[in-house]
PDB file of N, CA and C in Angstrom:
ATOM      1  N   MET A   1     -66.323 -50.751-215.297  1.00  0.00           N
ATOM      2  CA  MET A   1     -67.316 -50.222-216.205  1.00  0.00           C
ATOM      3  C   MET A   1     -66.965 -48.768-216.512  1.00  0.00           C
ATOM      4  N   ASN A   2     -67.018 -48.393-217.763  1.00  0.00           N
ATOM      5  CA  ASN A   2     -66.592 -47.060-218.193  1.00  0.00           C
ATOM      6  C   ASN A   2     -67.752 -46.126-218.464  1.00  0.00           C
ATOM      7  N   THR A   3     -68.840 -46.258-217.745  1.00  0.00           N
ATOM      8  CA  THR A   3     -69.986 -45.381-217.909  1.00  0.00           C
ATOM      9  C   THR A   3     -69.626 -43.986-217.437  1.00  0.00           C
ATOM     10  N   MET A   4     -69.967 -42.983-218.232  1.00  0.00           N
ATOM     11  CA  MET A   4     -69.723 -41.587-217.865  1.00  0.00           C
ATOM     12  C   MET A   4     -71.069 -40.969-217.507  1.00  0.00           C
ATOM     13  N   PHE A   5     -71.206 -40.539-216.267  1.00  0.00           N
ATOM     14  CA  PHE A   5     -72.431 -39.890-215.831  1.00  0.00           C
ATOM     15  C   PHE A   5     -72.298 -38.393-216.062  1.00  0.00           C
ATOM     16  N   THR A   6     -73.420 -37.713-216.223  1.00  0.00           N
ATOM     17  CA  THR A   6     -73.386 -36.271-216.472  1.00  0.00           C
ATOM     18  C   THR A   6     -73.590 -35.527-215.162  1.00  0.00           C
ATOM     19  N   THR A   7     -74.770 -35.005-214.916  1.00  0.00           N
ATOM     20  CA  THR A   7     -75.013 -34.206-213.712  1.00  0.00           C
ATOM     21  C   THR A   7     -75.613 -35.005-212.575  1.00  0.00           C
ATOM     22  N   HIS A   8     -76.101 -36.221-212.873  1.00  0.00           N
ATOM     23  CA  HIS A   8     -76.782 -37.045-211.864  1.00  0.00           C
ATOM     24  C   HIS A   8     -76.260 -38.474-211.874  1.00  0.00           C
ATOM     25  N   PHE A   9     -76.329 -39.107-210.707  1.00  0.00           N
ATOM     26  CA  PHE A   9     -75.988 -40.515-210.561  1.00  0.00           C
ATOM     27  C   PHE A   9     -77.175 -41.188-209.892  1.00  0.00           C
ATOM     28  N   TYR A  10     -77.832 -42.084-210.589  1.00  0.00           N
ATOM     29  CA  TYR A  10     -79.021 -42.782-210.085  1.00  0.00           C
ATOM     30  C   TYR A  10     -80.056 -41.807-209.530  1.00  0.00           C
ATOM     31  N   GLY A  11     -80.285 -40.726-210.273  1.00  0.00           N
ATOM     32  CA  GLY A  11     -81.312 -39.754-209.904  1.00  0.00           C
ATOM     33  C   GLY A  11     -80.889 -38.729-208.870  1.00  0.00           C
ATOM     34  N   ASN A  12     -79.653 -38.763-208.421  1.00  0.00           N
ATOM     35  CA  ASN A  12     -79.153 -37.825-207.410  1.00  0.00           C
ATOM     36  C   ASN A  12     -78.126 -36.890-208.034  1.00  0.00           C
ATOM     37  N   LYS A  13     -78.283 -35.599-207.769  1.00  0.00           N
ATOM     38  CA  LYS A  13     -77.373 -34.605-208.336  1.00  0.00           C
ATOM     39  C   LYS A  13     -75.962 -34.781-207.779  1.00  0.00           C
ATOM     40  N   ILE A  14     -74.999 -34.840-208.672  1.00  0.00           N
ATOM     41  CA  ILE A  14     -73.598 -34.929-208.278  1.00  0.00           C
ATOM     42  C   ILE A  14     -73.164 -33.564-207.763  1.00  0.00           C
ATOM     43  N   SER A  15     -72.440 -33.537-206.665  1.00  0.00           N
ATOM     44  CA  SER A  15     -72.029 -32.266-206.061  1.00  0.00           C
ATOM     45  C   SER A  15     -71.166 -31.451-207.014  1.00  0.00           C
ATOM     46  N   ASP A  16     -71.137 -30.132-206.782  1.00  0.00           N
ATOM     47  CA  ASP A  16     -70.279 -29.253-207.585  1.00  0.00           C
ATOM     48  C   ASP A  16     -68.822 -29.682-207.452  1.00  0.00           C
ATOM     49  N   TYR A  17     -68.415 -30.061-206.246  1.00  0.00           N
ATOM     50  CA  TYR A  17     -67.046 -30.505-205.998  1.00  0.00           C
ATOM     51  C   TYR A  17     -66.714 -31.720-206.874  1.00  0.00           C
ATOM     52  N   GLY A  18     -67.620 -32.671-206.926  1.00  0.00           N
ATOM     53  CA  GLY A  18     -67.414 -33.850-207.749  1.00  0.00           C
ATOM     54  C   GLY A  18     -67.357 -33.518-209.226  1.00  0.00           C
ATOM     55  N   ARG A  19     -68.279 -32.700-209.690  1.00  0.00           N
ATOM     56  CA  ARG A  19     -68.310 -32.335-211.110  1.00  0.00           C
ATOM     57  C   ARG A  19     -67.096 -31.503-211.495  1.00  0.00           C
ATOM     58  N   GLU A  20     -66.613 -30.654-210.603  1.00  0.00           N
ATOM     59  CA  GLU A  20     -65.413 -29.858-210.899  1.00  0.00           C
ATOM     60  C   GLU A  20     -64.197 -30.763-211.088  1.00  0.00           C
ATOM     61  N   ARG A  21     -64.183 -31.893-210.427  1.00  0.00           N
ATOM     62  CA  ARG A  21     -63.042 -32.807-210.481  1.00  0.00           C
ATOM     63  C   ARG A  21     -63.270 -34.013-211.386  1.00  0.00           C
ATOM     64  N   GLY A  22     -64.508 -34.174-211.862  1.00  0.00           N
ATOM     65  CA  GLY A  22     -64.795 -35.232-212.825  1.00  0.00           C
ATOM     66  C   GLY A  22     -65.100 -36.600-212.247  1.00  0.00           C
ATOM     67  N   PHE A  23     -65.500 -36.635-210.942  1.00  0.00           N
ATOM     68  CA  PHE A  23     -65.851 -37.915-210.315  1.00  0.00           C
ATOM     69  C   PHE A  23     -67.046 -37.745-209.391  1.00  0.00           C
ATOM     70  N   VAL A  24     -67.877 -38.789-209.308  1.00  0.00           N
ATOM     71  CA  VAL A  24     -69.026 -38.794-208.407  1.00  0.00           C
ATOM     72  C   VAL A  24     -68.505 -38.771-206.969  1.00  0.00           C
ATOM     73  N   ASP A  25     -69.099 -37.923-206.137  1.00  0.00           N
ATOM     74  CA  ASP A  25     -68.709 -37.844-204.729  1.00  0.00           C
ATOM     75  C   ASP A  25     -69.414 -38.932-203.929  1.00  0.00           C
ATOM     76  N   TYR A  26     -68.847 -39.241-202.777  1.00  0.00           N
ATOM     77  CA  TYR A  26     -69.343 -40.327-201.930  1.00  0.00           C
ATOM     78  C   TYR A  26     -70.753 -40.047-201.409  1.00  0.00           C
ATOM     79  N   ALA A  27     -71.058 -38.773-201.134  1.00  0.00           N
ATOM     80  CA  ALA A  27     -72.400 -38.421-200.643  1.00  0.00           C
ATOM     81  C   ALA A  27     -73.459 -38.758-201.692  1.00  0.00           C
ATOM     82  N   THR A  28     -73.180 -38.457-202.942  1.00  0.00           N
ATOM     83  CA  THR A  28     -74.117 -38.775-204.019  1.00  0.00           C
ATOM     84  C   THR A  28     -74.262 -40.281-204.168  1.00  0.00           C
ATOM     85  N   LEU A  29     -73.147 -40.991-204.109  1.00  0.00           N
ATOM     86  CA  LEU A  29     -73.186 -42.449-204.177  1.00  0.00           C
ATOM     87  C   LEU A  29     -74.076 -43.008-203.068  1.00  0.00           C
ATOM     88  N   ALA A  30     -73.884 -42.539-201.845  1.00  0.00           N
ATOM     89  CA  ALA A  30     -74.637 -43.050-200.695  1.00  0.00           C
ATOM     90  C   ALA A  30     -76.134 -42.743-200.788  1.00  0.00           C
ATOM     91  N   LYS A  31     -76.499 -41.664-201.464  1.00  0.00           N
ATOM     92  CA  LYS A  31     -77.920 -41.322-201.639  1.00  0.00           C
ATOM     93  C   LYS A  31     -78.605 -42.253-202.636  1.00  0.00           C
ATOM     94  N   SER A  32     -77.834 -43.018-203.372  1.00  0.00           N
ATOM     95  CA  SER A  32     -78.371 -43.863-204.431  1.00  0.00           C
ATOM     96  C   SER A  32     -79.015 -45.145-203.919  1.00  0.00           C
ATOM     97  N   PHE A  33     -78.848 -45.428-202.633  1.00  0.00           N
ATOM     98  CA  PHE A  33     -79.443 -46.626-202.037  1.00  0.00           C
ATOM     99  C   PHE A  33     -79.594 -46.401-200.540  1.00  0.00           C
ATOM    100  N   ASP A  34     -80.442 -47.214-199.919  1.00  0.00           N
ATOM    101  CA  ASP A  34     -80.657 -47.114-198.480  1.00  0.00           C
ATOM    102  C   ASP A  34     -79.462 -47.684-197.722  1.00  0.00           C
ATOM    103  N   ALA A  35     -79.037 -46.968-196.684  1.00  0.00           N
ATOM    104  CA  ALA A  35     -77.937 -47.431-195.840  1.00  0.00           C
ATOM    105  C   ALA A  35     -78.255 -47.074-194.396  1.00  0.00           C
ATOM    106  N   VAL A  36     -78.043 -48.031-193.498  1.00  0.00           N
ATOM    107  CA  VAL A  36     -78.306 -47.824-192.081  1.00  0.00           C
ATOM    108  C   VAL A  36     -77.015 -48.097-191.314  1.00  0.00           C
ATOM    109  N   LEU A  37     -76.537 -47.098-190.584  1.00  0.00           N
ATOM    110  CA  LEU A  37     -75.317 -47.235-189.806  1.00  0.00           C
ATOM    111  C   LEU A  37     -75.492 -48.293-188.718  1.00  0.00           C
ATOM    112  N   ASN A  38     -74.547 -49.231-188.650  1.00  0.00           N
ATOM    113  CA  ASN A  38     -74.542 -50.240-187.590  1.00  0.00           C
ATOM    114  C   ASN A  38     -73.100 -50.699-187.405  1.00  0.00           C
ATOM    115  N   ASN A  39     -72.349 -49.955-186.617  1.00  0.00           N
ATOM    116  CA  ASN A  39     -70.925 -50.214-186.463  1.00  0.00           C
ATOM    117  C   ASN A  39     -70.595 -51.502-185.727  1.00  0.00           C
ATOM    118  N   ASN A  40     -71.569 -52.148-185.106  1.00  0.00           N
ATOM    119  CA  ASN A  40     -71.307 -53.376-184.356  1.00  0.00           C
ATOM    120  C   ASN A  40     -71.723 -54.649-185.075  1.00  0.00           C
ATOM    121  N   ILE A  41     -72.338 -54.534-186.222  1.00  0.00           N
ATOM    122  CA  ILE A  41     -72.947 -55.696-186.874  1.00  0.00           C
ATOM    123  C   ILE A  41     -71.935 -56.786-187.216  1.00  0.00           C
ATOM    124  N   VAL A  42     -70.809 -56.419-187.806  1.00  0.00           N
ATOM    125  CA  VAL A  42     -69.844 -57.439-188.241  1.00  0.00           C
ATOM    126  C   VAL A  42     -69.168 -58.103-187.053  1.00  0.00           C
ATOM    127  N   GLN A  43     -68.691 -57.305-186.107  1.00  0.00           N
ATOM    128  CA  GLN A  43     -67.997 -57.865-184.956  1.00  0.00           C
ATOM    129  C   GLN A  43     -68.919 -58.703-184.077  1.00  0.00           C
ATOM    130  N   SER A  44     -70.164 -58.268-183.921  1.00  0.00           N
ATOM    131  CA  SER A  44     -71.075 -59.009-183.042  1.00  0.00           C
ATOM    132  C   SER A  44     -71.431 -60.384-183.607  1.00  0.00           C
ATOM    133  N   ILE A  45     -71.464 -60.497-184.911  1.00  0.00           N
ATOM    134  CA  ILE A  45     -71.767 -61.779-185.544  1.00  0.00           C
ATOM    135  C   ILE A  45     -70.485 -62.576-185.766  1.00  0.00           C
ATOM    136  N   GLY A  46     -69.358 -61.880-185.912  1.00  0.00           N
ATOM    137  CA  GLY A  46     -68.062 -62.526-186.119  1.00  0.00           C
ATOM    138  C   GLY A  46     -67.627 -62.460-187.571  1.00  0.00           C
ATOM    139  N   TRP A  47     -66.384 -62.035-187.788  1.00  0.00           N
ATOM    140  CA  TRP A  47     -65.839 -61.896-189.143  1.00  0.00           C
ATOM    141  C   TRP A  47     -65.970 -63.174-189.958  1.00  0.00           C
ATOM    142  N   GLU A  48     -65.819 -64.308-189.311  1.00  0.00           N
ATOM    143  CA  GLU A  48     -65.831 -65.584-190.034  1.00  0.00           C
ATOM    144  C   GLU A  48     -67.180 -65.875-190.693  1.00  0.00           C
ATOM    145  N   ASN A  49     -68.228 -65.140-190.314  1.00  0.00           N
ATOM    146  CA  ASN A  49     -69.562 -65.347-190.877  1.00  0.00           C
ATOM    147  C   ASN A  49     -69.896 -64.402-192.025  1.00  0.00           C
ATOM    148  N   TRP A  50     -68.907 -63.631-192.470  1.00  0.00           N
ATOM    149  CA  TRP A  50     -69.109 -62.664-193.554  1.00  0.00           C
ATOM    150  C   TRP A  50     -68.227 -63.032-194.736  1.00  0.00           C
ATOM    151  N   GLU A  51     -68.801 -62.946-195.911  1.00  0.00           N
ATOM    152  CA  GLU A  51     -68.069 -63.219-197.145  1.00  0.00           C
ATOM    153  C   GLU A  51     -67.796 -61.879-197.841  1.00  0.00           C
ATOM    154  N   THR A  52     -66.577 -61.679-198.285  1.00  0.00           N
ATOM    155  CA  THR A  52     -66.240 -60.450-199.010  1.00  0.00           C
ATOM    156  C   THR A  52     -66.754 -60.561-200.435  1.00  0.00           C
ATOM    157  N   GLU A  53     -67.648 -59.644-200.815  1.00  0.00           N
ATOM    158  CA  GLU A  53     -68.230 -59.647-202.154  1.00  0.00           C
ATOM    159  C   GLU A  53     -67.504 -58.675-203.077  1.00  0.00           C
ATOM    160  N   ASN A  54     -66.865 -57.669-202.494  1.00  0.00           N
ATOM    161  CA  ASN A  54     -66.222 -56.613-203.282  1.00  0.00           C
ATOM    162  C   ASN A  54     -65.169 -55.951-202.408  1.00  0.00           C
ATOM    163  N   GLY A  55     -64.115 -55.450-203.019  1.00  0.00           N
ATOM    164  CA  GLY A  55     -63.086 -54.768-202.249  1.00  0.00           C
ATOM    165  C   GLY A  55     -62.280 -55.746-201.428  1.00  0.00           C
ATOM    166  N   SER A  56     -61.584 -55.211-200.446  1.00  0.00           N
ATOM    167  CA  SER A  56     -60.735 -56.024-199.578  1.00  0.00           C
ATOM    168  C   SER A  56     -61.135 -55.814-198.125  1.00  0.00           C
ATOM    169  N   ALA A  57     -61.510 -56.872-197.449  1.00  0.00           N
ATOM    170  CA  ALA A  57     -61.931 -56.777-196.053  1.00  0.00           C
ATOM    171  C   ALA A  57     -60.755 -56.557-195.118  1.00  0.00           C
ATOM    172  N   TYR A  58     -59.553 -56.527-195.649  1.00  0.00           N
ATOM    173  CA  TYR A  58     -58.378 -56.395-194.798  1.00  0.00           C
ATOM    174  C   TYR A  58     -57.947 -54.952-194.590  1.00  0.00           C
ATOM    175  N   GLU A  59     -58.602 -54.009-195.244  1.00  0.00           N
ATOM    176  CA  GLU A  59     -58.325 -52.602-195.011  1.00  0.00           C
ATOM    177  C   GLU A  59     -58.932 -52.185-193.673  1.00  0.00           C
ATOM    178  N   GLU A  60     -58.473 -51.065-193.164  1.00  0.00           N
ATOM    179  CA  GLU A  60     -59.058 -50.555-191.918  1.00  0.00           C
ATOM    180  C   GLU A  60     -60.428 -49.966-192.218  1.00  0.00           C
ATOM    181  N   ILE A  61     -61.440 -50.495-191.548  1.00  0.00           N
ATOM    182  CA  ILE A  61     -62.820 -50.048-191.754  1.00  0.00           C
ATOM    183  C   ILE A  61     -63.240 -49.238-190.540  1.00  0.00           C
ATOM    184  N   TYR A  62     -63.775 -48.032-190.794  1.00  0.00           N
ATOM    185  CA  TYR A  62     -64.169 -47.137-189.711  1.00  0.00           C
ATOM    186  C   TYR A  62     -65.660 -47.194-189.396  1.00  0.00           C
ATOM    187  N   GLN A  63     -66.474 -47.484-190.411  1.00  0.00           N
ATOM    188  CA  GLN A  63     -67.916 -47.538-190.205  1.00  0.00           C
ATOM    189  C   GLN A  63     -68.502 -48.661-191.046  1.00  0.00           C
ATOM    190  N   TYR A  64     -69.586 -49.258-190.550  1.00  0.00           N
ATOM    191  CA  TYR A  64     -70.310 -50.304-191.269  1.00  0.00           C
ATOM    192  C   TYR A  64     -71.743 -49.845-191.485  1.00  0.00           C
ATOM    193  N   TYR A  65     -72.223 -50.026-192.713  1.00  0.00           N
ATOM    194  CA  TYR A  65     -73.598 -49.675-193.056  1.00  0.00           C
ATOM    195  C   TYR A  65     -74.298 -50.892-193.628  1.00  0.00           C
ATOM    196  N   ILE A  66     -75.466 -51.210-193.077  1.00  0.00           N
ATOM    197  CA  ILE A  66     -76.314 -52.234-193.675  1.00  0.00           C
ATOM    198  C   ILE A  66     -76.888 -51.621-194.940  1.00  0.00           C
ATOM    199  N   ILE A  67     -76.774 -52.329-196.055  1.00  0.00           N
ATOM    200  CA  ILE A  67     -77.252 -51.801-197.328  1.00  0.00           C
ATOM    201  C   ILE A  67     -78.197 -52.800-197.992  1.00  0.00           C
ATOM    202  N   SER A  68     -78.976 -52.301-198.910  1.00  0.00           N
ATOM    203  CA  SER A  68     -79.925 -53.133-199.652  1.00  0.00           C
ATOM    204  C   SER A  68     -79.198 -53.953-200.721  1.00  0.00           C
ATOM    205  N   ASP A  69     -79.910 -54.919-201.286  1.00  0.00           N
ATOM    206  CA  ASP A  69     -79.371 -55.684-202.408  1.00  0.00           C
ATOM    207  C   ASP A  69     -79.006 -54.743-203.552  1.00  0.00           C
ATOM    208  N   ASN A  70     -79.866 -53.758-203.802  1.00  0.00           N
ATOM    209  CA  ASN A  70     -79.621 -52.776-204.851  1.00  0.00           C
ATOM    210  C   ASN A  70     -78.346 -51.984-204.564  1.00  0.00           C
ATOM    211  N   GLY A  71     -78.158 -51.590-203.319  1.00  0.00           N
ATOM    212  CA  GLY A  71     -76.947 -50.865-202.933  1.00  0.00           C
ATOM    213  C   GLY A  71     -75.708 -51.702-203.169  1.00  0.00           C
ATOM    214  N   ALA A  72     -75.770 -52.974-202.817  1.00  0.00           N
ATOM    215  CA  ALA A  72     -74.634 -53.870-203.051  1.00  0.00           C
ATOM    216  C   ALA A  72     -74.345 -53.990-204.543  1.00  0.00           C
ATOM    217  N   ASP A  73     -75.395 -54.091-205.354  1.00  0.00           N
ATOM    218  CA  ASP A  73     -75.213 -54.170-206.807  1.00  0.00           C
ATOM    219  C   ASP A  73     -74.540 -52.915-207.359  1.00  0.00           C
ATOM    220  N   ILE A  74     -74.979 -51.746-206.899  1.00  0.00           N
ATOM    221  CA  ILE A  74     -74.386 -50.479-207.359  1.00  0.00           C
ATOM    222  C   ILE A  74     -72.916 -50.420-206.965  1.00  0.00           C
ATOM    223  N   LEU A  75     -72.607 -50.745-205.715  1.00  0.00           N
ATOM    224  CA  LEU A  75     -71.223 -50.697-205.260  1.00  0.00           C
ATOM    225  C   LEU A  75     -70.348 -51.677-206.034  1.00  0.00           C
ATOM    226  N   LYS A  76     -70.846 -52.878-206.259  1.00  0.00           N
ATOM    227  CA  LYS A  76     -70.057 -53.877-206.982  1.00  0.00           C
ATOM    228  C   LYS A  76     -69.886 -53.505-208.454  1.00  0.00           C
ATOM    229  N   ARG A  77     -70.877 -52.865-209.025  1.00  0.00           N
ATOM    230  CA  ARG A  77     -70.820 -52.504-210.442  1.00  0.00           C
ATOM    231  C   ARG A  77     -69.868 -51.342-210.706  1.00  0.00           C
ATOM    232  N   TYR A  78     -69.849 -50.352-209.816  1.00  0.00           N
ATOM    233  CA  TYR A  78     -69.139 -49.118-210.121  1.00  0.00           C
ATOM    234  C   TYR A  78     -67.924 -48.816-209.242  1.00  0.00           C
ATOM    235  N   THR A  79     -67.726 -49.543-208.145  1.00  0.00           N
ATOM    236  CA  THR A  79     -66.654 -49.175-207.216  1.00  0.00           C
ATOM    237  C   THR A  79     -65.865 -50.395-206.766  1.00  0.00           C
ATOM    238  N   ASN A  80     -64.850 -50.133-205.976  1.00  0.00           N
ATOM    239  CA  ASN A  80     -64.120 -51.195-205.294  1.00  0.00           C
ATOM    240  C   ASN A  80     -64.342 -51.082-203.782  1.00  0.00           C
ATOM    241  N   GLU A  81     -65.457 -50.459-203.391  1.00  0.00           N
ATOM    242  CA  GLU A  81     -65.808 -50.325-201.972  1.00  0.00           C
ATOM    243  C   GLU A  81     -66.052 -51.705-201.375  1.00  0.00           C
ATOM    244  N   ILE A  82     -65.747 -51.848-200.111  1.00  0.00           N
ATOM    245  CA  ILE A  82     -65.897 -53.131-199.431  1.00  0.00           C
ATOM    246  C   ILE A  82     -67.378 -53.450-199.234  1.00  0.00           C
ATOM    247  N   VAL A  83     -67.790 -54.595-199.740  1.00  0.00           N
ATOM    248  CA  VAL A  83     -69.150 -55.098-199.560  1.00  0.00           C
ATOM    249  C   VAL A  83     -69.035 -56.492-198.952  1.00  0.00           C
ATOM    250  N   LEU A  84     -69.652 -56.675-197.799  1.00  0.00           N
ATOM    251  CA  LEU A  84     -69.664 -57.961-197.114  1.00  0.00           C
ATOM    252  C   LEU A  84     -71.072 -58.549-197.182  1.00  0.00           C
ATOM    253  N   TYR A  85     -71.159 -59.879-197.167  1.00  0.00           N
ATOM    254  CA  TYR A  85     -72.455 -60.549-197.215  1.00  0.00           C
ATOM    255  C   TYR A  85     -72.508 -61.649-196.170  1.00  0.00           C
ATOM    256  N   ASN A  86     -73.656 -61.742-195.479  1.00  0.00           N
ATOM    257  CA  ASN A  86     -73.901 -62.810-194.521  1.00  0.00           C
ATOM    258  C   ASN A  86     -75.078 -63.619-195.046  1.00  0.00           C
ATOM    259  N   ALA A  87     -74.823 -64.885-195.416  1.00  0.00           N
ATOM    260  CA  ALA A  87     -75.853 -65.731-196.015  1.00  0.00           C
ATOM    261  C   ALA A  87     -76.974 -66.066-195.035  1.00  0.00           C
ATOM    262  N   GLU A  88     -76.636 -66.314-193.780  1.00  0.00           N
ATOM    263  CA  GLU A  88     -77.650 -66.678-192.792  1.00  0.00           C
ATOM    264  C   GLU A  88     -78.660 -65.546-192.594  1.00  0.00           C
ATOM    265  N   LEU A  89     -78.175 -64.310-192.573  1.00  0.00           N
ATOM    266  CA  LEU A  89     -79.056 -63.156-192.416  1.00  0.00           C
ATOM    267  C   LEU A  89     -79.545 -62.606-193.748  1.00  0.00           C
ATOM    268  N   ASP A  90     -78.973 -63.080-194.857  1.00  0.00           N
ATOM    269  CA  ASP A  90     -79.243 -62.541-196.191  1.00  0.00           C
ATOM    270  C   ASP A  90     -79.100 -61.018-196.156  1.00  0.00           C
ATOM    271  N   MET A  91     -77.915 -60.566-195.709  1.00  0.00           N
ATOM    272  CA  MET A  91     -77.681 -59.144-195.457  1.00  0.00           C
ATOM    273  C   MET A  91     -76.340 -58.709-196.039  1.00  0.00           C
ATOM    274  N   TYR A  92     -76.370 -57.523-196.668  1.00  0.00           N
ATOM    275  CA  TYR A  92     -75.146 -56.893-197.164  1.00  0.00           C
ATOM    276  C   TYR A  92     -74.741 -55.760-196.235  1.00  0.00           C
ATOM    277  N   VAL A  93     -73.427 -55.567-196.111  1.00  0.00           N
ATOM    278  CA  VAL A  93     -72.874 -54.476-195.316  1.00  0.00           C
ATOM    279  C   VAL A  93     -71.772 -53.817-196.140  1.00  0.00           C
ATOM    280  N   CYS A  94     -71.744 -52.500-196.111  1.00  0.00           N
ATOM    281  CA  CYS A  94     -70.673 -51.735-196.752  1.00  0.00           C
ATOM    282  C   CYS A  94     -69.704 -51.276-195.677  1.00  0.00           C
ATOM    283  N   GLY A  95     -68.419 -51.482-195.906  1.00  0.00           N
ATOM    284  CA  GLY A  95     -67.386 -51.029-194.986  1.00  0.00           C
ATOM    285  C   GLY A  95     -66.758 -49.744-195.491  1.00  0.00           C
ATOM    286  N   VAL A  96     -66.874 -48.668-194.715  1.00  0.00           N
ATOM    287  CA  VAL A  96     -66.352 -47.358-195.111  1.00  0.00           C
ATOM    288  C   VAL A  96     -64.942 -47.201-194.548  1.00  0.00           C
ATOM    289  N   THR A  97     -63.992 -46.880-195.430  1.00  0.00           N
ATOM    290  CA  THR A  97     -62.586 -46.836-195.040  1.00  0.00           C
ATOM    291  C   THR A  97     -62.022 -45.424-194.914  1.00  0.00           C
ATOM    292  N   HIS A  98     -62.858 -44.415-194.990  1.00  0.00           N
ATOM    293  CA  HIS A  98     -62.367 -43.039-194.796  1.00  0.00           C
ATOM    294  C   HIS A  98     -63.073 -42.422-193.596  1.00  0.00           C
ATOM    295  N   TRP A  99     -62.431 -41.455-192.982  1.00  0.00           N
ATOM    296  CA  TRP A  99     -62.923 -40.901-191.723  1.00  0.00           C
ATOM    297  C   TRP A  99     -62.598 -39.416-191.639  1.00  0.00           C
ATOM    298  N   GLY A 100     -63.542 -38.627-191.142  1.00  0.00           N
ATOM    299  CA  GLY A 100     -63.258 -37.244-190.791  1.00  0.00           C
ATOM    300  C   GLY A 100     -63.501 -36.217-191.874  1.00  0.00           C
ATOM    301  N   THR A 101     -63.810 -36.644-193.085  1.00  0.00           N
ATOM    302  CA  THR A 101     -64.076 -35.700-194.170  1.00  0.00           C
ATOM    303  C   THR A 101     -65.528 -35.857-194.598  1.00  0.00           C
ATOM    304  N   SER A 102     -66.194 -34.726-194.795  1.00  0.00           N
ATOM    305  CA  SER A 102     -67.568 -34.769-195.281  1.00  0.00           C
ATOM    306  C   SER A 102     -67.632 -35.569-196.574  1.00  0.00           C
ATOM    307  N   TRP A 103     -68.645 -36.414-196.718  1.00  0.00           N
ATOM    308  CA  TRP A 103     -68.765 -37.251-197.904  1.00  0.00           C
ATOM    309  C   TRP A 103     -68.937 -36.439-199.179  1.00  0.00           C
ATOM    310  N   ASP A 104     -69.317 -35.175-199.066  1.00  0.00           N
ATOM    311  CA  ASP A 104     -69.394 -34.310-200.246  1.00  0.00           C
ATOM    312  C   ASP A 104     -68.007 -34.076-200.843  1.00  0.00           C
ATOM    313  N   TYR A 105     -66.976 -34.271-200.044  1.00  0.00           N
ATOM    314  CA  TYR A 105     -65.601 -33.988-200.481  1.00  0.00           C
ATOM    315  C   TYR A 105     -64.733 -35.239-200.578  1.00  0.00           C
ATOM    316  N   VAL A 106     -65.358 -36.402-200.584  1.00  0.00           N
ATOM    317  CA  VAL A 106     -64.639 -37.653-200.825  1.00  0.00           C
ATOM    318  C   VAL A 106     -65.105 -38.157-202.188  1.00  0.00           C
ATOM    319  N   LEU A 107     -64.166 -38.348-203.087  1.00  0.00           N
ATOM    320  CA  LEU A 107     -64.522 -38.756-204.442  1.00  0.00           C
ATOM    321  C   LEU A 107     -64.412 -40.263-204.614  1.00  0.00           C
ATOM    322  N   THR A 108     -65.316 -40.819-205.394  1.00  0.00           N
ATOM    323  CA  THR A 108     -65.257 -42.223-205.777  1.00  0.00           C
ATOM    324  C   THR A 108     -64.398 -42.326-207.033  1.00  0.00           C
ATOM    325  N   ASN A 109     -64.291 -43.514-207.588  1.00  0.00           N
ATOM    326  CA  ASN A 109     -63.595 -43.683-208.858  1.00  0.00           C
ATOM    327  C   ASN A 109     -64.572 -43.709-210.034  1.00  0.00           C
ATOM    328  N   ILE A 110     -65.811 -43.249-209.804  1.00  0.00           N
ATOM    329  CA  ILE A 110     -66.842 -43.244-210.840  1.00  0.00           C
ATOM    330  C   ILE A 110     -66.758 -41.936-211.625  1.00  0.00           C
ATOM    331  N   PRO A 111     -66.405 -41.991-212.906  1.00  0.00           N
ATOM    332  CA  PRO A 111     -66.261 -40.760-213.683  1.00  0.00           C
ATOM    333  C   PRO A 111     -67.600 -40.085-213.970  1.00  0.00           C
ATOM    334  N   CYS A 112     -67.560 -38.762-213.982  1.00  0.00           N
ATOM    335  CA  CYS A 112     -68.734 -37.983-214.407  1.00  0.00           C
ATOM    336  C   CYS A 112     -68.229 -36.857-215.298  1.00  0.00           C
ATOM    337  N   GLU A 113     -69.163 -36.233-215.982  1.00  0.00           N
ATOM    338  CA  GLU A 113     -68.819 -35.126-216.861  1.00  0.00           C
ATOM    339  C   GLU A 113     -68.233 -33.996-216.036  1.00  0.00           C
ATOM    340  N   LYS A 114     -67.069 -33.554-216.408  1.00  0.00           N
ATOM    341  CA  LYS A 114     -66.376 -32.484-215.667  1.00  0.00           C
ATOM    342  C   LYS A 114     -66.979 -31.146-216.059  1.00  0.00           C
ATOM    343  N   SER A 115     -67.300 -30.339-215.022  1.00  0.00           N
ATOM    344  CA  SER A 115     -67.843 -29.001-215.294  1.00  0.00           C
ATOM    345  C   SER A 115     -66.700 -28.030-215.505  1.00  0.00           C
ATOM    346  N   GLU A 116     -66.984 -27.004-216.227  1.00  0.00           N
ATOM    347  CA  GLU A 116     -65.959 -25.961-216.516  1.00  0.00           C
ATOM    348  C   GLU A 116     -66.006 -24.862-215.501  1.00  0.00           C
TER     349      GLU A 116
END
């Protein structure tokens, strides 16, 4: 999708870092929906019980977040972030593949108006 956002993404202000570079930052993306950290959810239930809805489940995942249906829709619409779904639990999980950098300084592939 080639939507160009200006200063906000789903009601959340895009960071100066993101606007300077012309892409929505990960922190702004994450504020757009509810997410609850649960690093054991996928392994405790077993990989075979999760369906990949978006992205590739074969990348190295450092953190897992339980996300809402709305969050899954946003991720699938605008990103290639890993989204997993468990039908029995009717639950979506986002797999985060970056580590050690503040989310304010990790850019998504979602374009926004570049500031001067």
